[in-house]
Amino acid sequence: MREKFKYMGRDVKISMNKNETEATITIEKKHFKTRLHTEGKPEDNYIKLWMCPEAYTMTETPEAMAKHIVQYWYQFT
């Protein structure tokens, strides 16, 4: 996963916690908290999705979440 990148002209930074269960996505100085949510057990090939309350969606990675947030901003701002 990339920690810093540009997407649609916006600077994006992703900071993970030690356990890799929480991340803070920073886009143009605005912070979005995300958390890893799992359903099932690891031995059952369980579902792992990242949730961000401000984005009203879940994605497979924090990077995908950051891209979704940037796309949303371009549509509505």
PDB file of N, CA and C in Angstrom:
ATOM      1  N   MET A   1       0.836  -1.182   0.000  1.00  0.00           N
ATOM      2  CA  MET A   1       0.000   0.000   0.000  1.00  0.00           C
ATOM      3  C   MET A   1       0.884   1.251   0.000  1.00  0.00           C
ATOM      4  N   ARG A   2       0.489   2.196  -0.811  1.00  0.00           N
ATOM      5  CA  ARG A   2       1.230   3.456  -0.858  1.00  0.00           C
ATOM      6  C   ARG A   2       0.841   4.330   0.331  1.00  0.00           C
ATOM      7  N   GLU A   3       1.835   5.003   0.901  1.00  0.00           N
ATOM      8  CA  GLU A   3       1.569   5.891   2.027  1.00  0.00           C
ATOM      9  C   GLU A   3       1.308   7.325   1.584  1.00  0.00           C
ATOM     10  N   LYS A   4       1.932   7.730   0.468  1.00  0.00           N
ATOM     11  CA  LYS A   4       1.731   9.074  -0.081  1.00  0.00           C
ATOM     12  C   LYS A   4       1.581   8.946  -1.588  1.00  0.00           C
ATOM     13  N   PHE A   5       0.597   9.672  -2.123  1.00  0.00           N
ATOM     14  CA  PHE A   5       0.432   9.690  -3.570  1.00  0.00           C
ATOM     15  C   PHE A   5      -0.468  10.854  -3.951  1.00  0.00           C
ATOM     16  N   LYS A   6      -0.507  11.146  -5.237  1.00  0.00           N
ATOM     17  CA  LYS A   6      -1.398  12.163  -5.775  1.00  0.00           C
ATOM     18  C   LYS A   6      -2.495  11.450  -6.530  1.00  0.00           C
ATOM     19  N   TYR A   7      -3.734  11.931  -6.372  1.00  0.00           N
ATOM     20  CA  TYR A   7      -4.856  11.342  -7.091  1.00  0.00           C
ATOM     21  C   TYR A   7      -5.796  12.466  -7.502  1.00  0.00           C
ATOM     22  N   MET A   8      -6.045  12.583  -8.782  1.00  0.00           N
ATOM     23  CA  MET A   8      -6.903  13.628  -9.343  1.00  0.00           C
ATOM     24  C   MET A   8      -6.482  15.012  -8.851  1.00  0.00           C
ATOM     25  N   GLY A   9      -5.189  15.240  -8.776  1.00  0.00           N
ATOM     26  CA  GLY A   9      -4.661  16.536  -8.379  1.00  0.00           C
ATOM     27  C   GLY A   9      -4.633  16.801  -6.883  1.00  0.00           C
ATOM     28  N   ARG A  10      -5.000  15.835  -6.068  1.00  0.00           N
ATOM     29  CA  ARG A  10      -5.012  16.008  -4.607  1.00  0.00           C
ATOM     30  C   ARG A  10      -3.874  15.220  -3.974  1.00  0.00           C
ATOM     31  N   ASP A  11      -3.269  15.797  -2.948  1.00  0.00           N
ATOM     32  CA  ASP A  11      -2.234  15.101  -2.187  1.00  0.00           C
ATOM     33  C   ASP A  11      -2.900  14.205  -1.156  1.00  0.00           C
ATOM     34  N   VAL A  12      -2.496  12.934  -1.121  1.00  0.00           N
ATOM     35  CA  VAL A  12      -3.075  11.944  -0.219  1.00  0.00           C
ATOM     36  C   VAL A  12      -1.978  11.331   0.636  1.00  0.00           C
ATOM     37  N   LYS A  13      -2.253  11.194   1.930  1.00  0.00           N
ATOM     38  CA  LYS A  13      -1.332  10.537   2.852  1.00  0.00           C
ATOM     39  C   LYS A  13      -2.136   9.545   3.689  1.00  0.00           C
ATOM     40  N   ILE A  14      -1.601   8.331   3.854  1.00  0.00           N
ATOM     41  CA  ILE A  14      -2.268   7.314   4.655  1.00  0.00           C
ATOM     42  C   ILE A  14      -1.332   6.878   5.777  1.00  0.00           C
ATOM     43  N   SER A  15      -1.785   7.008   7.012  1.00  0.00           N
ATOM     44  CA  SER A  15      -1.008   6.609   8.186  1.00  0.00           C
ATOM     45  C   SER A  15      -1.732   5.458   8.878  1.00  0.00           C
ATOM     46  N   MET A  16      -1.047   4.319   9.002  1.00  0.00           N
ATOM     47  CA  MET A  16      -1.630   3.137   9.648  1.00  0.00           C
ATOM     48  C   MET A  16      -1.164   3.062  11.092  1.00  0.00           C
ATOM     49  N   ASN A  17      -1.981   2.443  11.965  1.00  0.00           N
ATOM     50  CA  ASN A  17      -1.512   2.184  13.323  1.00  0.00           C
ATOM     51  C   ASN A  17      -0.650   0.917  13.313  1.00  0.00           C
ATOM     52  N   LYS A  18      -0.049   0.583  14.448  1.00  0.00           N
ATOM     53  CA  LYS A  18       0.863  -0.574  14.520  1.00  0.00           C
ATOM     54  C   LYS A  18       0.190  -1.892  14.142  1.00  0.00           C
ATOM     55  N   ASN A  19      -1.044  -2.069  14.566  1.00  0.00           N
ATOM     56  CA  ASN A  19      -1.756  -3.328  14.320  1.00  0.00           C
ATOM     57  C   ASN A  19      -2.375  -3.412  12.933  1.00  0.00           C
ATOM     58  N   GLU A  20      -2.285  -2.325  12.184  1.00  0.00           N
ATOM     59  CA  GLU A  20      -2.881  -2.220  10.850  1.00  0.00           C
ATOM     60  C   GLU A  20      -4.390  -2.488  10.868  1.00  0.00           C
ATOM     61  N   THR A  21      -5.051  -1.969  11.914  1.00  0.00           N
ATOM     62  CA  THR A  21      -6.504  -2.083  12.022  1.00  0.00           C
ATOM     63  C   THR A  21      -7.192  -0.727  11.940  1.00  0.00           C
ATOM     64  N   GLU A  22      -6.414   0.341  11.982  1.00  0.00           N
ATOM     65  CA  GLU A  22      -6.938   1.695  11.855  1.00  0.00           C
ATOM     66  C   GLU A  22      -5.993   2.502  10.989  1.00  0.00           C
ATOM     67  N   ALA A  23      -6.557   3.434  10.244  1.00  0.00           N
ATOM     68  CA  ALA A  23      -5.743   4.304   9.396  1.00  0.00           C
ATOM     69  C   ALA A  23      -6.357   5.700   9.392  1.00  0.00           C
ATOM     70  N   THR A  24      -5.493   6.676   9.223  1.00  0.00           N
ATOM     71  CA  THR A  24      -5.951   8.042   9.033  1.00  0.00           C
ATOM     72  C   THR A  24      -5.566   8.446   7.618  1.00  0.00           C
ATOM     73  N   ILE A  25      -6.566   8.829   6.862  1.00  0.00           N
ATOM     74  CA  ILE A  25      -6.344   9.303   5.494  1.00  0.00           C
ATOM     75  C   ILE A  25      -6.375  10.817   5.542  1.00  0.00           C
ATOM     76  N   THR A  26      -5.323  11.448   5.044  1.00  0.00           N
ATOM     77  CA  THR A  26      -5.252  12.905   5.012  1.00  0.00           C
ATOM     78  C   THR A  26      -5.267  13.342   3.556  1.00  0.00           C
ATOM     79  N   ILE A  27      -6.250  14.169   3.220  1.00  0.00           N
ATOM     80  CA  ILE A  27      -6.376  14.699   1.868  1.00  0.00           C
ATOM     81  C   ILE A  27      -6.475  16.211   1.991  1.00  0.00           C
ATOM     82  N   GLU A  28      -5.451  16.893   1.460  1.00  0.00           N
ATOM     83  CA  GLU A  28      -5.456  18.361   1.506  1.00  0.00           C
ATOM     84  C   GLU A  28      -5.742  18.880   2.916  1.00  0.00           C
ATOM     85  N   LYS A  29      -5.058  18.361   3.910  1.00  0.00           N
ATOM     86  CA  LYS A  29      -5.130  18.772   5.317  1.00  0.00           C
ATOM     87  C   LYS A  29      -6.425  18.376   6.024  1.00  0.00           C
ATOM     88  N   LYS A  30      -7.290  17.615   5.383  1.00  0.00           N
ATOM     89  CA  LYS A  30      -8.511  17.124   6.030  1.00  0.00           C
ATOM     90  C   LYS A  30      -8.302  15.655   6.374  1.00  0.00           C
ATOM     91  N   HIS A  31      -8.655  15.267   7.608  1.00  0.00           N
ATOM     92  CA  HIS A  31      -8.406  13.914   8.101  1.00  0.00           C
ATOM     93  C   HIS A  31      -9.682  13.081   8.109  1.00  0.00           C
ATOM     94  N   PHE A  32      -9.529  11.824   7.696  1.00  0.00           N
ATOM     95  CA  PHE A  32     -10.626  10.862   7.696  1.00  0.00           C
ATOM     96  C   PHE A  32     -10.158   9.614   8.435  1.00  0.00           C
ATOM     97  N   LYS A  33     -10.850   9.249   9.481  1.00  0.00           N
ATOM     98  CA  LYS A  33     -10.517   8.047  10.261  1.00  0.00           C
ATOM     99  C   LYS A  33     -11.172   6.832   9.609  1.00  0.00           C
ATOM    100  N   THR A  34     -10.421   5.759   9.474  1.00  0.00           N
ATOM    101  CA  THR A  34     -10.954   4.517   8.929  1.00  0.00           C
ATOM    102  C   THR A  34     -10.588   3.368   9.855  1.00  0.00           C
ATOM    103  N   ARG A  35     -11.427   2.334   9.836  1.00  0.00           N
ATOM    104  CA  ARG A  35     -11.203   1.146  10.672  1.00  0.00           C
ATOM    105  C   ARG A  35     -11.416  -0.094   9.838  1.00  0.00           C
ATOM    106  N   LEU A  36     -10.654  -1.123  10.170  1.00  0.00           N
ATOM    107  CA  LEU A  36     -10.808  -2.415   9.525  1.00  0.00           C
ATOM    108  C   LEU A  36     -11.931  -3.177  10.213  1.00  0.00           C
ATOM    109  N   HIS A  37     -12.872  -3.667   9.424  1.00  0.00           N
ATOM    110  CA  HIS A  37     -13.965  -4.493   9.935  1.00  0.00           C
ATOM    111  C   HIS A  37     -13.867  -5.861   9.278  1.00  0.00           C
ATOM    112  N   THR A  38     -14.026  -6.890  10.080  1.00  0.00           N
ATOM    113  CA  THR A  38     -13.934  -8.247   9.552  1.00  0.00           C
ATOM    114  C   THR A  38     -15.229  -8.993   9.830  1.00  0.00           C
ATOM    115  N   GLU A  39     -15.528  -9.917   8.958  1.00  0.00           N
ATOM    116  CA  GLU A  39     -16.702 -10.771   9.126  1.00  0.00           C
ATOM    117  C   GLU A  39     -16.255 -12.202   8.890  1.00  0.00           C
ATOM    118  N   GLY A  40     -16.410 -13.048   9.881  1.00  0.00           N
ATOM    119  CA  GLY A  40     -15.982 -14.433   9.774  1.00  0.00           C
ATOM    120  C   GLY A  40     -14.677 -14.671  10.518  1.00  0.00           C
ATOM    121  N   LYS A  41     -14.050 -15.795  10.201  1.00  0.00           N
ATOM    122  CA  LYS A  41     -12.797 -16.185  10.847  1.00  0.00           C
ATOM    123  C   LYS A  41     -11.694 -16.293   9.810  1.00  0.00           C
ATOM    124  N   PRO A  42     -10.446 -15.992  10.202  1.00  0.00           N
ATOM    125  CA  PRO A  42      -9.336 -16.041   9.240  1.00  0.00           C
ATOM    126  C   PRO A  42      -9.223 -17.381   8.509  1.00  0.00           C
ATOM    127  N   GLU A  43      -9.475 -18.479   9.195  1.00  0.00           N
ATOM    128  CA  GLU A  43      -9.351 -19.792   8.553  1.00  0.00           C
ATOM    129  C   GLU A  43     -10.445 -20.044   7.510  1.00  0.00           C
ATOM    130  N   ASP A  44     -11.501 -19.233   7.526  1.00  0.00           N
ATOM    131  CA  ASP A  44     -12.595 -19.368   6.569  1.00  0.00           C
ATOM    132  C   ASP A  44     -12.472 -18.382   5.408  1.00  0.00           C
ATOM    133  N   ASN A  45     -11.276 -17.802   5.222  1.00  0.00           N
ATOM    134  CA  ASN A  45     -11.070 -16.798   4.170  1.00  0.00           C
ATOM    135  C   ASN A  45     -12.062 -15.642   4.359  1.00  0.00           C
ATOM    136  N   TYR A  46     -12.034 -15.066   5.543  1.00  0.00           N
ATOM    137  CA  TYR A  46     -13.010 -14.072   5.963  1.00  0.00           C
ATOM    138  C   TYR A  46     -12.920 -12.750   5.200  1.00  0.00           C
ATOM    139  N   ILE A  47     -13.983 -11.964   5.294  1.00  0.00           N
ATOM    140  CA  ILE A  47     -14.080 -10.684   4.607  1.00  0.00           C
ATOM    141  C   ILE A  47     -13.428  -9.604   5.466  1.00  0.00           C
ATOM    142  N   LYS A  48     -12.566  -8.817   4.836  1.00  0.00           N
ATOM    143  CA  LYS A  48     -11.912  -7.697   5.515  1.00  0.00           C
ATOM    144  C   LYS A  48     -12.204  -6.432   4.718  1.00  0.00           C
ATOM    145  N   LEU A  49     -12.948  -5.503   5.317  1.00  0.00           N
ATOM    146  CA  LEU A  49     -13.279  -4.251   4.646  1.00  0.00           C
ATOM    147  C   LEU A  49     -12.970  -3.066   5.554  1.00  0.00           C
ATOM    148  N   TRP A  50     -12.565  -1.952   4.931  1.00  0.00           N
ATOM    149  CA  TRP A  50     -12.271  -0.721   5.648  1.00  0.00           C
ATOM    150  C   TRP A  50     -13.494   0.181   5.596  1.00  0.00           C
ATOM    151  N   MET A  51     -13.843   0.763   6.750  1.00  0.00           N
ATOM    152  CA  MET A  51     -15.002   1.623   6.849  1.00  0.00           C
ATOM    153  C   MET A  51     -14.584   3.028   7.277  1.00  0.00           C
ATOM    154  N   CYS A  52     -15.199   4.017   6.651  1.00  0.00           N
ATOM    155  CA  CYS A  52     -14.982   5.419   7.012  1.00  0.00           C
ATOM    156  C   CYS A  52     -16.360   6.054   7.169  1.00  0.00           C
ATOM    157  N   PRO A  53     -16.754   6.424   8.391  1.00  0.00           N
ATOM    158  CA  PRO A  53     -18.091   6.989   8.603  1.00  0.00           C
ATOM    159  C   PRO A  53     -18.373   8.229   7.747  1.00  0.00           C
ATOM    160  N   GLU A  54     -17.370   9.059   7.504  1.00  0.00           N
ATOM    161  CA  GLU A  54     -17.589  10.267   6.712  1.00  0.00           C
ATOM    162  C   GLU A  54     -17.811   9.966   5.231  1.00  0.00           C
ATOM    163  N   ALA A  55     -17.346   8.819   4.760  1.00  0.00           N
ATOM    164  CA  ALA A  55     -17.465   8.472   3.339  1.00  0.00           C
ATOM    165  C   ALA A  55     -18.684   7.610   3.050  1.00  0.00           C
ATOM    166  N   TYR A  56     -19.338   7.085   4.069  1.00  0.00           N
ATOM    167  CA  TYR A  56     -20.538   6.250   3.908  1.00  0.00           C
ATOM    168  C   TYR A  56     -20.319   5.064   2.978  1.00  0.00           C
ATOM    169  N   THR A  57     -19.153   4.443   3.076  1.00  0.00           N
ATOM    170  CA  THR A  57     -18.871   3.279   2.236  1.00  0.00           C
ATOM    171  C   THR A  57     -17.814   2.409   2.886  1.00  0.00           C
ATOM    172  N   MET A  58     -17.623   1.231   2.320  1.00  0.00           N
ATOM    173  CA  MET A  58     -16.569   0.323   2.759  1.00  0.00           C
ATOM    174  C   MET A  58     -15.770  -0.084   1.526  1.00  0.00           C
ATOM    175  N   THR A  59     -14.450  -0.216   1.687  1.00  0.00           N
ATOM    176  CA  THR A  59     -13.584  -0.608   0.585  1.00  0.00           C
ATOM    177  C   THR A  59     -12.613  -1.686   1.054  1.00  0.00           C
ATOM    178  N   GLU A  60     -11.905  -2.274   0.109  1.00  0.00           N
ATOM    179  CA  GLU A  60     -10.965  -3.344   0.441  1.00  0.00           C
ATOM    180  C   GLU A  60      -9.649  -2.840   1.022  1.00  0.00           C
ATOM    181  N   THR A  61      -9.284  -1.584   0.733  1.00  0.00           N
ATOM    182  CA  THR A  61      -8.020  -1.035   1.227  1.00  0.00           C
ATOM    183  C   THR A  61      -8.201   0.435   1.603  1.00  0.00           C
ATOM    184  N   PRO A  62      -7.325   0.959   2.460  1.00  0.00           N
ATOM    185  CA  PRO A  62      -7.363   2.391   2.750  1.00  0.00           C
ATOM    186  C   PRO A  62      -7.077   3.229   1.495  1.00  0.00           C
ATOM    187  N   GLU A  63      -6.229   2.723   0.609  1.00  0.00           N
ATOM    188  CA  GLU A  63      -5.924   3.446  -0.628  1.00  0.00           C
ATOM    189  C   GLU A  63      -7.184   3.590  -1.491  1.00  0.00           C
ATOM    190  N   ALA A  64      -7.963   2.532  -1.602  1.00  0.00           N
ATOM    191  CA  ALA A  64      -9.216   2.596  -2.356  1.00  0.00           C
ATOM    192  C   ALA A  64     -10.192   3.570  -1.692  1.00  0.00           C
ATOM    193  N   MET A  65     -10.187   3.615  -0.360  1.00  0.00           N
ATOM    194  CA  MET A  65     -11.040   4.544   0.365  1.00  0.00           C
ATOM    195  C   MET A  65     -10.631   5.982   0.054  1.00  0.00           C
ATOM    196  N   ALA A  66      -9.331   6.254   0.061  1.00  0.00           N
ATOM    197  CA  ALA A  66      -8.839   7.601  -0.242  1.00  0.00           C
ATOM    198  C   ALA A  66      -9.263   8.017  -1.652  1.00  0.00           C
ATOM    199  N   LYS A  67      -9.148   7.118  -2.606  1.00  0.00           N
ATOM    200  CA  LYS A  67      -9.556   7.435  -3.977  1.00  0.00           C
ATOM    201  C   LYS A  67     -11.058   7.717  -4.048  1.00  0.00           C
ATOM    202  N   HIS A  68     -11.849   6.946  -3.331  1.00  0.00           N
ATOM    203  CA  HIS A  68     -13.298   7.176  -3.300  1.00  0.00           C
ATOM    204  C   HIS A  68     -13.602   8.565  -2.734  1.00  0.00           C
ATOM    205  N   ILE A  69     -12.944   8.936  -1.652  1.00  0.00           N
ATOM    206  CA  ILE A  69     -13.184  10.239  -1.026  1.00  0.00           C
ATOM    207  C   ILE A  69     -12.832  11.362  -1.992  1.00  0.00           C
ATOM    208  N   VAL A  70     -11.701  11.243  -2.681  1.00  0.00           N
ATOM    209  CA  VAL A  70     -11.302  12.275  -3.639  1.00  0.00           C
ATOM    210  C   VAL A  70     -12.325  12.365  -4.765  1.00  0.00           C
ATOM    211  N   GLN A  71     -12.770  11.241  -5.296  1.00  0.00           N
ATOM    212  CA  GLN A  71     -13.773  11.257  -6.364  1.00  0.00           C
ATOM    213  C   GLN A  71     -15.073  11.915  -5.888  1.00  0.00           C
ATOM    214  N   TYR A  72     -15.477  11.634  -4.669  1.00  0.00           N
ATOM    215  CA  TYR A  72     -16.685  12.219  -4.098  1.00  0.00           C
ATOM    216  C   TYR A  72     -16.541  13.740  -4.016  1.00  0.00           C
ATOM    217  N   TRP A  73     -15.353  14.214  -3.555  1.00  0.00           N
ATOM    218  CA  TRP A  73     -15.123  15.646  -3.463  1.00  0.00           C
ATOM    219  C   TRP A  73     -15.249  16.318  -4.820  1.00  0.00           C
ATOM    220  N   TYR A  74     -14.688  15.693  -5.839  1.00  0.00           N
ATOM    221  CA  TYR A  74     -14.742  16.292  -7.165  1.00  0.00           C
ATOM    222  C   TYR A  74     -16.173  16.354  -7.694  1.00  0.00           C
ATOM    223  N   GLN A  75     -17.035  15.450  -7.298  1.00  0.00           N
ATOM    224  CA  GLN A  75     -18.414  15.478  -7.737  1.00  0.00           C
ATOM    225  C   GLN A  75     -19.228  16.550  -7.041  1.00  0.00           C
ATOM    226  N   PHE A  76     -19.011  16.724  -5.744  1.00  0.00           N
ATOM    227  CA  PHE A  76     -19.910  17.543  -4.948  1.00  0.00           C
ATOM    228  C   PHE A  76     -19.308  18.824  -4.383  1.00  0.00           C
ATOM    229  N   THR A  77     -18.057  19.112  -4.707  1.00  0.00           N
ATOM    230  CA  THR A  77     -17.474  20.372  -4.208  1.00  0.00           C
ATOM    231  C   THR A  77     -16.943  21.190  -5.345  1.00  0.00           C
TER     232      THR A  77
END
